[in-house]
Amino acid sequence: MTSAQSSSVAAFRALHASGCFMLPNPWDVGSAVYLQHAGFAALATTSAGFAFSRGLPDDAGAVPLEMMLGHIREIVAATSLPVNADFQQGFADDPEGVAAHVARCVATGVAGLSIEDATGRSDSPLYGAGLAVERIRAARAAIDASGVPVVLTGRCEAWLVGQPDPLPFALKRLVAYAEAGADCLYAPGVREPHDIAAIVTAVAPKPVNVLMSGPSTTLSVPRLAELGVRRVSVGSALARVAWGAFIRASRDIAATGSFDSLAEAAPFSEINDVFRNRG
């Protein structure tokens, strides 16, 4: 563990101790640098945002392990902020494979990483309960063996895979993940305040992450803080906002031959100055 990683881990753990903080998700070096410039206290990678930047789908296996480790390492090197790795399902089904890959992820310099229980298979979208817990336990053991106390986030993908009656299902799993050694708990897709509050209560005193992937008339950072949420991420949303602007402008140019859509471009000097003055 380098001194930089030690400082990042300590800072990241402190952010989880009280209050509620934003954890935005860059998808490349430039977006990571800009998010630090914008004043955020920590960052998290996004598997989908990175996959799209490489012209790949966010499907299981589309981004191989070595490519993902290289990307995580690149984001860590680009910023002095703590970085949490979206490490998907650990790039393995079995606990032994998860442990080996988590150890390599820790070695990239991250301050935290997440392990999800989605298999990526349509016929069986979630790992069985026992195996899912063993995978979290293996990740915890690998982190402990590394001597680097990175924050381990246990994810239940019940809402994202369309699990019927997802709340009781997720509550049972998240409590089990907390008991297996997860430091932070996360059920991406949950949006109802009642459900969020139930998750916070069930795993207390461990912190909860909530994903905000689109606009909401009922949820904001202050409201999520009131519900007891400690961490708020946006997943691929920022990358998709950038893609949305790009798609609209490119389609407009192709369809009309005019360049009116370029009026929405960020000023060249603003972006250039941020990168010129980094560090």
Protein backbone atom coordinates (compact mmCIF):
# COMPACT_ATOMS: atom_id res chain seq x y z
CA MET A 1 0.00 0.00 0.00
CA THR A 2 1.42 3.37 -1.03
CA SER A 3 1.07 6.49 1.09
CA ALA A 4 -1.31 7.90 -1.53
CA GLN A 5 -3.58 4.87 -1.31
CA SER A 6 -3.44 4.91 2.49
CA SER A 7 -4.54 8.56 2.50
CA SER A 8 -7.30 7.89 -0.02
CA VAL A 9 -8.66 4.94 1.94
CA ALA A 10 -8.66 6.95 5.17
CA ALA A 11 -10.43 9.87 3.47
CA PHE A 12 -12.98 7.56 1.84
CA ARG A 13 -13.77 5.82 5.11
CA ALA A 14 -14.20 9.19 6.81
CA LEU A 15 -16.77 10.22 4.19
CA HIS A 16 -18.85 7.17 5.12
CA ALA A 17 -18.77 7.92 8.84
CA SER A 18 -21.42 10.64 8.88
CA GLY A 19 -23.52 12.86 6.64
CA CYS A 20 -24.27 12.21 2.97
CA PHE A 21 -21.86 12.72 0.08
CA MET A 22 -22.02 12.59 -3.70
CA LEU A 23 -19.94 9.97 -5.50
CA PRO A 24 -20.09 10.91 -9.21
CA ASN A 25 -18.94 8.47 -11.87
CA PRO A 26 -16.35 9.48 -14.49
CA TRP A 27 -15.85 7.25 -17.49
CA ASP A 28 -12.39 8.37 -18.62
CA VAL A 29 -9.42 10.43 -17.46
CA GLY A 30 -10.81 13.74 -18.69
CA SER A 31 -14.13 13.33 -16.90
CA ALA A 32 -12.31 12.26 -13.72
CA VAL A 33 -10.07 15.32 -13.81
CA TYR A 34 -13.03 17.61 -14.40
CA LEU A 35 -15.05 16.11 -11.53
CA GLN A 36 -12.15 16.78 -9.16
CA HIS A 37 -11.99 20.33 -10.53
CA ALA A 38 -15.74 20.66 -9.84
CA GLY A 39 -15.13 20.05 -6.15
CA PHE A 40 -16.34 16.50 -5.47
CA ALA A 41 -14.69 14.65 -2.60
CA ALA A 42 -14.53 11.16 -4.19
CA LEU A 43 -15.21 9.36 -7.45
CA ALA A 44 -16.46 5.97 -8.61
CA THR A 45 -15.89 4.23 -11.91
CA THR A 46 -18.83 3.14 -14.05
CA SER A 47 -18.66 -0.14 -15.94
CA ALA A 48 -21.28 1.01 -18.46
CA GLY A 49 -19.73 4.43 -19.03
CA PHE A 50 -16.33 2.85 -19.65
CA ALA A 51 -17.74 0.12 -21.89
CA PHE A 52 -19.53 2.70 -24.06
CA SER A 53 -16.30 4.72 -24.37
CA ARG A 54 -14.67 1.62 -25.82
CA GLY A 55 -17.51 0.93 -28.23
CA LEU A 56 -18.67 -2.05 -26.17
CA PRO A 57 -22.00 -2.95 -24.56
CA ASP A 58 -22.34 -3.15 -20.80
CA ASP A 59 -22.84 -6.90 -20.99
CA ALA A 60 -21.20 -9.54 -18.84
CA GLY A 61 -17.81 -10.36 -20.31
CA ALA A 62 -17.81 -7.54 -22.87
CA VAL A 63 -15.03 -5.75 -20.99
CA PRO A 64 -12.39 -8.31 -19.99
CA LEU A 65 -10.70 -8.26 -16.61
CA GLU A 66 -7.35 -6.92 -17.82
CA MET A 67 -9.01 -4.04 -19.64
CA MET A 68 -11.07 -3.15 -16.58
CA LEU A 69 -8.08 -3.26 -14.25
CA GLY A 70 -6.19 -0.99 -16.65
CA HIS A 71 -9.09 1.46 -16.70
CA ILE A 72 -9.39 1.51 -12.90
CA ARG A 73 -5.66 2.05 -12.57
CA GLU A 74 -5.84 4.92 -15.06
CA ILE A 75 -8.66 6.67 -13.17
CA VAL A 76 -6.82 6.27 -9.85
CA ALA A 77 -3.68 7.80 -11.39
CA ALA A 78 -5.63 10.72 -12.90
CA THR A 79 -6.85 12.18 -9.61
CA SER A 80 -5.84 12.60 -5.98
CA LEU A 81 -9.41 11.80 -4.88
CA PRO A 82 -10.46 8.44 -3.43
CA VAL A 83 -11.76 6.16 -6.19
CA ASN A 84 -14.31 3.40 -5.78
CA ALA A 85 -14.17 0.67 -8.43
CA ASP A 86 -17.33 -0.68 -10.04
CA PHE A 87 -15.90 -4.20 -10.08
CA GLN A 88 -19.09 -5.80 -11.36
CA GLN A 89 -19.40 -9.44 -10.24
CA GLY A 90 -15.68 -9.73 -9.54
CA PHE A 91 -15.07 -11.24 -13.00
CA ALA A 92 -15.66 -14.72 -11.58
CA ASP A 93 -18.50 -16.90 -10.39
CA ASP A 94 -16.67 -18.85 -7.70
CA PRO A 95 -15.52 -17.23 -4.44
CA GLU A 96 -11.89 -18.20 -5.09
CA GLY A 97 -11.88 -16.36 -8.39
CA VAL A 98 -13.56 -13.33 -6.82
CA ALA A 99 -10.91 -13.25 -4.08
CA ALA A 100 -8.03 -13.42 -6.56
CA HIS A 101 -9.45 -10.65 -8.72
CA VAL A 102 -10.35 -8.43 -5.77
CA ALA A 103 -6.73 -8.63 -4.61
CA ARG A 104 -5.65 -7.37 -8.04
CA CYS A 105 -8.23 -4.58 -7.93
CA VAL A 106 -6.95 -3.45 -4.52
CA ALA A 107 -3.45 -3.29 -6.04
CA THR A 108 -4.59 -0.64 -8.55
CA GLY A 109 -4.71 1.90 -5.71
CA VAL A 110 -8.48 2.13 -5.21
CA ALA A 111 -10.05 3.29 -1.95
CA GLY A 112 -13.08 1.04 -2.38
CA LEU A 113 -14.72 -1.50 -4.66
CA SER A 114 -18.14 -3.06 -5.15
CA ILE A 115 -19.17 -6.66 -5.81
CA GLU A 116 -22.63 -7.36 -7.23
CA ASP A 117 -24.76 -10.49 -7.17
CA ALA A 118 -25.89 -10.37 -10.82
CA THR A 119 -24.64 -13.25 -12.95
CA GLY A 120 -25.18 -11.62 -16.33
CA ARG A 121 -27.20 -14.66 -17.43
CA SER A 122 -30.85 -14.24 -18.42
CA ASP A 123 -31.83 -17.75 -17.30
CA SER A 124 -30.47 -17.18 -13.77
CA PRO A 125 -29.86 -13.46 -13.28
CA LEU A 126 -28.78 -13.60 -9.63
CA TYR A 127 -26.41 -15.91 -7.81
CA GLY A 128 -28.06 -18.19 -5.27
CA ALA A 129 -28.21 -16.75 -1.76
CA GLY A 130 -25.51 -18.98 -0.29
CA LEU A 131 -23.05 -18.44 -3.13
CA ALA A 132 -23.75 -14.68 -3.17
CA VAL A 133 -22.82 -14.42 0.50
CA GLU A 134 -19.72 -16.57 0.06
CA ARG A 135 -18.57 -14.28 -2.75
CA ILE A 136 -18.81 -11.24 -0.44
CA ARG A 137 -17.02 -13.16 2.31
CA ALA A 138 -14.24 -14.05 -0.15
CA ALA A 139 -13.89 -10.42 -1.24
CA ARG A 140 -13.65 -9.37 2.41
CA ALA A 141 -10.97 -11.98 3.12
CA ALA A 142 -8.94 -10.85 0.09
CA ILE A 143 -9.11 -7.24 1.21
CA ASP A 144 -8.08 -8.14 4.75
CA ALA A 145 -5.20 -10.26 3.45
CA SER A 146 -3.96 -7.34 1.34
CA GLY A 147 -3.50 -5.15 4.41
CA VAL A 148 -5.29 -2.30 2.61
CA PRO A 149 -8.62 -1.57 4.31
CA VAL A 150 -10.50 -0.51 1.19
CA VAL A 151 -14.24 -0.03 1.53
CA LEU A 152 -16.13 -3.11 0.33
CA THR A 153 -19.61 -2.45 -1.04
CA GLY A 154 -22.04 -5.35 -1.35
CA ARG A 155 -24.61 -4.88 -4.11
CA CYS A 156 -27.98 -6.56 -4.54
CA GLU A 157 -29.26 -6.19 -8.09
CA ALA A 158 -32.86 -7.21 -7.32
CA TRP A 159 -34.44 -4.10 -8.82
CA LEU A 160 -32.22 -4.08 -11.92
CA VAL A 161 -32.99 -7.68 -12.89
CA GLY A 162 -36.74 -7.39 -12.24
CA GLN A 163 -36.88 -9.60 -9.17
CA PRO A 164 -40.54 -9.91 -8.05
CA ASP A 165 -41.24 -8.12 -4.76
CA PRO A 166 -37.66 -6.85 -4.60
CA LEU A 167 -37.68 -5.13 -1.19
CA PRO A 168 -37.87 -8.17 1.13
CA PHE A 169 -35.54 -10.05 -1.19
CA ALA A 170 -32.98 -7.23 -1.11
CA LEU A 171 -33.29 -6.66 2.62
CA LYS A 172 -32.45 -10.28 3.38
CA ARG A 173 -29.48 -10.25 1.03
CA LEU A 174 -28.08 -6.88 2.11
CA VAL A 175 -28.22 -7.84 5.78
CA ALA A 176 -26.38 -11.07 4.92
CA TYR A 177 -23.77 -9.14 2.92
CA ALA A 178 -23.23 -6.80 5.86
CA GLU A 179 -22.73 -9.78 8.16
CA ALA A 180 -20.31 -11.30 5.62
CA GLY A 181 -18.08 -8.23 5.79
CA ALA A 182 -19.44 -5.59 3.39
CA ASP A 183 -18.72 -2.08 4.72
CA CYS A 184 -21.39 -0.38 2.58
CA LEU A 185 -24.63 -1.73 1.10
CA TYR A 186 -26.21 -0.88 -2.22
CA ALA A 187 -29.34 -1.88 -4.13
CA PRO A 188 -29.24 -0.02 -7.45
CA GLY A 189 -32.67 0.82 -8.82
CA VAL A 190 -34.48 1.43 -5.53
CA ARG A 191 -36.31 4.76 -5.76
CA GLU A 192 -39.21 4.74 -3.26
CA PRO A 193 -38.39 6.66 -0.06
CA HIS A 194 -40.06 3.97 2.05
CA ASP A 195 -37.90 1.26 0.50
CA ILE A 196 -34.73 3.32 0.91
CA ALA A 197 -35.51 3.99 4.56
CA ALA A 198 -36.18 0.28 5.12
CA ILE A 199 -32.77 -0.63 3.68
CA VAL A 200 -31.02 1.99 5.82
CA THR A 201 -32.72 0.66 8.95
CA ALA A 202 -32.05 -2.99 8.12
CA VAL A 203 -28.28 -2.66 7.69
CA ALA A 204 -27.63 0.08 10.26
CA PRO A 205 -25.15 1.24 11.37
CA LYS A 206 -23.45 0.39 8.08
CA PRO A 207 -23.78 3.04 5.35
CA VAL A 208 -26.03 2.77 2.30
CA ASN A 209 -25.40 3.92 -1.27
CA VAL A 210 -28.32 5.00 -3.49
CA LEU A 211 -28.09 5.26 -7.27
CA MET A 212 -29.73 8.25 -8.97
CA SER A 213 -29.74 7.49 -12.70
CA GLY A 214 -32.34 10.05 -13.76
CA PRO A 215 -34.33 13.06 -12.60
CA SER A 216 -36.65 12.74 -9.62
CA THR A 217 -39.40 14.94 -8.24
CA THR A 218 -39.13 13.36 -4.79
CA LEU A 219 -35.45 12.58 -4.23
CA SER A 220 -32.53 14.98 -3.86
CA VAL A 221 -29.31 14.78 -1.87
CA PRO A 222 -30.91 16.59 1.12
CA ARG A 223 -33.92 14.25 1.00
CA LEU A 224 -31.72 11.17 0.74
CA ALA A 225 -29.72 12.45 3.70
CA GLU A 226 -32.96 12.73 5.67
CA LEU A 227 -33.65 9.08 4.85
CA GLY A 228 -30.27 8.13 6.31
CA VAL A 229 -28.40 7.55 3.04
CA ARG A 230 -24.66 8.17 3.31
CA ARG A 231 -23.56 7.94 -0.33
CA VAL A 232 -25.21 8.88 -3.64
CA SER A 233 -23.83 7.80 -7.02
CA VAL A 234 -25.08 8.34 -10.57
CA GLY A 235 -23.71 5.27 -12.37
CA SER A 236 -23.62 5.74 -16.13
CA ALA A 237 -25.89 8.82 -16.04
CA LEU A 238 -23.19 11.45 -16.59
CA ALA A 239 -21.73 9.44 -19.45
CA ARG A 240 -25.21 9.11 -20.95
CA VAL A 241 -25.79 12.86 -20.60
CA ALA A 242 -22.63 13.40 -22.65
CA TRP A 243 -23.74 10.76 -25.15
CA GLY A 244 -27.16 12.41 -25.36
CA ALA A 245 -25.67 15.76 -26.35
CA PHE A 246 -23.36 14.08 -28.86
CA ILE A 247 -26.16 12.03 -30.42
CA ARG A 248 -28.52 15.01 -30.75
CA ALA A 249 -25.85 17.21 -32.34
CA SER A 250 -24.58 14.55 -34.74
CA ARG A 251 -28.10 13.62 -35.83
CA ASP A 252 -28.96 17.27 -36.38
CA ILE A 253 -25.88 17.83 -38.55
CA ALA A 254 -26.61 14.69 -40.57
CA ALA A 255 -30.30 15.56 -41.03
CA THR A 256 -30.17 19.31 -41.67
CA GLY A 257 -26.61 20.14 -42.69
CA SER A 258 -26.70 23.02 -40.21
CA PHE A 259 -24.56 23.52 -37.14
CA ASP A 260 -27.05 25.14 -34.77
CA SER A 261 -26.70 22.31 -32.27
CA LEU A 262 -23.03 23.20 -31.72
CA ALA A 263 -24.18 26.31 -29.85
CA GLU A 264 -24.58 24.05 -26.79
CA ALA A 265 -20.88 23.11 -26.78
CA ALA A 266 -18.84 23.93 -23.70
CA PRO A 267 -16.33 26.74 -24.37
CA PHE A 268 -13.00 25.42 -25.64
CA SER A 269 -11.05 27.67 -23.28
CA GLU A 270 -12.94 26.44 -20.21
CA ILE A 271 -12.11 22.80 -20.88
CA ASN A 272 -8.58 23.52 -22.07
CA ASP A 273 -7.77 25.57 -18.97
CA VAL A 274 -8.92 22.83 -16.62
CA PHE A 275 -6.55 20.32 -18.25
CA ARG A 276 -3.73 22.84 -18.65
CA ASN A 277 -3.82 23.68 -14.96
CA ARG A 278 -4.33 20.18 -13.54
CA GLY A 279 -1.91 19.32 -10.80
